[in-house]
Amino acid sequence: MFELQVINFISLALNIYSYLIIGYVLLSWFPNARESFIGQFLGKIVEPYIGIFRRFIPPIGGVLDLSPIIALLALNFVRMGLIAVVGFLFGMG
């Protein structure tokens, strides 16, 4: 039972972080939205993670930034990996 709680917590935490990334990306569609309180708050939480990918993935045509998409894919792989490790540690898999 404890292992299911750990897996649910990991999934919930990473889902919330994924939604924060998506929200931060959506703010870029609106002028000056990232300068708002919410935009600055999300930037402090999300930018350190997305920044890792921005160092290696340049924007396409100088405009289209694919790093958030790659960051979300990587986060999903991390989620699957952590769930597999917890399952292995608790003998579920």
C-alpha atoms as a PDB file:
ATOM      1  CA  MET A   1       0.000   0.000   0.000  1.00  0.00           C
ATOM      2  CA  PHE A   2       2.834   2.403   0.816  1.00  0.00           C
ATOM      3  CA  GLU A   3       4.392   1.897  -2.617  1.00  0.00           C
ATOM      4  CA  LEU A   4       1.154   2.951  -4.305  1.00  0.00           C
ATOM      5  CA  GLN A   5       1.109   6.117  -2.226  1.00  0.00           C
ATOM      6  CA  VAL A   6       4.699   6.892  -3.252  1.00  0.00           C
ATOM      7  CA  ILE A   7       3.871   6.254  -6.924  1.00  0.00           C
ATOM      8  CA  ASN A   8       0.749   8.411  -6.696  1.00  0.00           C
ATOM      9  CA  PHE A   9       2.733  11.211  -5.047  1.00  0.00           C
ATOM     10  CA  ILE A  10       5.443  11.084  -7.724  1.00  0.00           C
ATOM     11  CA  SER A  11       2.838  11.117 -10.489  1.00  0.00           C
ATOM     12  CA  LEU A  12       0.902  13.970  -8.906  1.00  0.00           C
ATOM     13  CA  ALA A  13       3.992  16.111  -8.295  1.00  0.00           C
ATOM     14  CA  LEU A  14       5.311  15.647 -11.826  1.00  0.00           C
ATOM     15  CA  ASN A  15       1.861  16.217 -13.338  1.00  0.00           C
ATOM     16  CA  ILE A  16       1.566  19.507 -11.456  1.00  0.00           C
ATOM     17  CA  TYR A  17       5.029  20.534 -12.650  1.00  0.00           C
ATOM     18  CA  SER A  18       4.062  19.624 -16.231  1.00  0.00           C
ATOM     19  CA  TYR A  19       0.995  21.857 -15.957  1.00  0.00           C
ATOM     20  CA  LEU A  20       3.155  24.679 -14.616  1.00  0.00           C
ATOM     21  CA  ILE A  21       5.412  24.356 -17.671  1.00  0.00           C
ATOM     22  CA  ILE A  22       2.408  24.386 -20.001  1.00  0.00           C
ATOM     23  CA  GLY A  23       0.995  27.438 -18.211  1.00  0.00           C
ATOM     24  CA  TYR A  24       4.310  29.241 -18.512  1.00  0.00           C
ATOM     25  CA  VAL A  25       4.466  28.486 -22.229  1.00  0.00           C
ATOM     26  CA  LEU A  26       0.898  29.695 -22.723  1.00  0.00           C
ATOM     27  CA  LEU A  27       1.787  32.981 -21.025  1.00  0.00           C
ATOM     28  CA  SER A  28       4.265  33.655 -23.827  1.00  0.00           C
ATOM     29  CA  TRP A  29       1.330  34.001 -26.215  1.00  0.00           C
ATOM     30  CA  PHE A  30       0.074  37.119 -24.422  1.00  0.00           C
ATOM     31  CA  PRO A  31       1.970  40.418 -24.411  1.00  0.00           C
ATOM     32  CA  ASN A  32       3.553  41.264 -21.049  1.00  0.00           C
ATOM     33  CA  ALA A  33       1.964  38.248 -19.351  1.00  0.00           C
ATOM     34  CA  ARG A  34       5.340  36.921 -18.208  1.00  0.00           C
ATOM     35  CA  GLU A  35       5.991  40.219 -16.459  1.00  0.00           C
ATOM     36  CA  SER A  36       2.884  39.750 -14.305  1.00  0.00           C
ATOM     37  CA  PHE A  37       3.075  38.305 -10.801  1.00  0.00           C
ATOM     38  CA  ILE A  38       1.954  34.883 -12.025  1.00  0.00           C
ATOM     39  CA  GLY A  39       4.378  34.965 -14.948  1.00  0.00           C
ATOM     40  CA  GLN A  40       7.299  35.848 -12.701  1.00  0.00           C
ATOM     41  CA  PHE A  41       6.291  33.183 -10.177  1.00  0.00           C
ATOM     42  CA  LEU A  42       6.057  30.505 -12.864  1.00  0.00           C
ATOM     43  CA  GLY A  43       9.335  31.695 -14.364  1.00  0.00           C
ATOM     44  CA  LYS A  44      11.156  31.182 -11.070  1.00  0.00           C
ATOM     45  CA  ILE A  45       9.811  27.649 -10.847  1.00  0.00           C
ATOM     46  CA  VAL A  46      10.008  26.553 -14.491  1.00  0.00           C
ATOM     47  CA  GLU A  47      12.929  28.454 -16.067  1.00  0.00           C
ATOM     48  CA  PRO A  48      15.725  26.574 -14.249  1.00  0.00           C
ATOM     49  CA  TYR A  49      14.450  23.292 -15.694  1.00  0.00           C
ATOM     50  CA  ILE A  50      13.637  24.565 -19.194  1.00  0.00           C
ATOM     51  CA  GLY A  51      16.924  26.490 -19.270  1.00  0.00           C
ATOM     52  CA  ILE A  52      18.812  23.201 -19.261  1.00  0.00           C
ATOM     53  CA  PHE A  53      17.196  22.292 -22.580  1.00  0.00           C
ATOM     54  CA  ARG A  54      17.505  25.802 -24.040  1.00  0.00           C
ATOM     55  CA  ARG A  55      21.293  25.528 -23.780  1.00  0.00           C
ATOM     56  CA  PHE A  56      21.269  22.587 -26.198  1.00  0.00           C
ATOM     57  CA  ILE A  57      18.229  23.230 -28.400  1.00  0.00           C
ATOM     58  CA  PRO A  58      18.273  26.526 -30.311  1.00  0.00           C
ATOM     59  CA  PRO A  59      14.957  28.053 -31.420  1.00  0.00           C
ATOM     60  CA  ILE A  60      13.910  27.090 -34.940  1.00  0.00           C
ATOM     61  CA  GLY A  61      14.157  30.137 -37.168  1.00  0.00           C
ATOM     62  CA  GLY A  62      14.958  32.177 -34.091  1.00  0.00           C
ATOM     63  CA  VAL A  63      11.279  32.130 -33.129  1.00  0.00           C
ATOM     64  CA  LEU A  64       9.955  28.642 -32.358  1.00  0.00           C
ATOM     65  CA  ASP A  65      11.308  27.364 -29.044  1.00  0.00           C
ATOM     66  CA  LEU A  66      11.003  23.581 -28.823  1.00  0.00           C
ATOM     67  CA  SER A  67      12.772  23.278 -25.471  1.00  0.00           C
ATOM     68  CA  PRO A  68       9.534  23.167 -23.401  1.00  0.00           C
ATOM     69  CA  ILE A  69       8.284  20.253 -25.503  1.00  0.00           C
ATOM     70  CA  ILE A  70      11.546  18.362 -25.044  1.00  0.00           C
ATOM     71  CA  ALA A  71      11.489  19.256 -21.335  1.00  0.00           C
ATOM     72  CA  LEU A  72       7.989  17.781 -20.993  1.00  0.00           C
ATOM     73  CA  LEU A  73       9.062  14.617 -22.803  1.00  0.00           C
ATOM     74  CA  ALA A  74      12.083  14.289 -20.520  1.00  0.00           C
ATOM     75  CA  LEU A  75       9.884  14.848 -17.481  1.00  0.00           C
ATOM     76  CA  ASN A  76       7.610  12.042 -18.652  1.00  0.00           C
ATOM     77  CA  PHE A  77      10.613   9.707 -18.992  1.00  0.00           C
ATOM     78  CA  VAL A  78      11.709  10.698 -15.486  1.00  0.00           C
ATOM     79  CA  ARG A  79       8.210   9.916 -14.210  1.00  0.00           C
ATOM     80  CA  MET A  80       8.241   6.474 -15.830  1.00  0.00           C
ATOM     81  CA  GLY A  81      11.751   5.798 -14.529  1.00  0.00           C
ATOM     82  CA  LEU A  82      10.940   6.808 -10.964  1.00  0.00           C
ATOM     83  CA  ILE A  83       7.785   4.711 -10.968  1.00  0.00           C
ATOM     84  CA  ALA A  84       9.762   1.724 -12.279  1.00  0.00           C
ATOM     85  CA  VAL A  85      12.415   2.195  -9.575  1.00  0.00           C
ATOM     86  CA  VAL A  86       9.817   2.454  -6.807  1.00  0.00           C
ATOM     87  CA  GLY A  87       8.051  -0.613  -8.187  1.00  0.00           C
ATOM     88  CA  PHE A  88      11.325  -2.517  -8.250  1.00  0.00           C
ATOM     89  CA  LEU A  89      12.290  -1.430  -4.733  1.00  0.00           C
ATOM     90  CA  PHE A  90       8.964  -2.517  -3.302  1.00  0.00           C
ATOM     91  CA  GLY A  91       8.787  -5.730  -5.325  1.00  0.00           C
ATOM     92  CA  MET A  92       5.905  -4.721  -7.543  1.00  0.00           C
ATOM     93  CA  GLY A  93       7.679  -5.261 -10.840  1.00  0.00           C
END
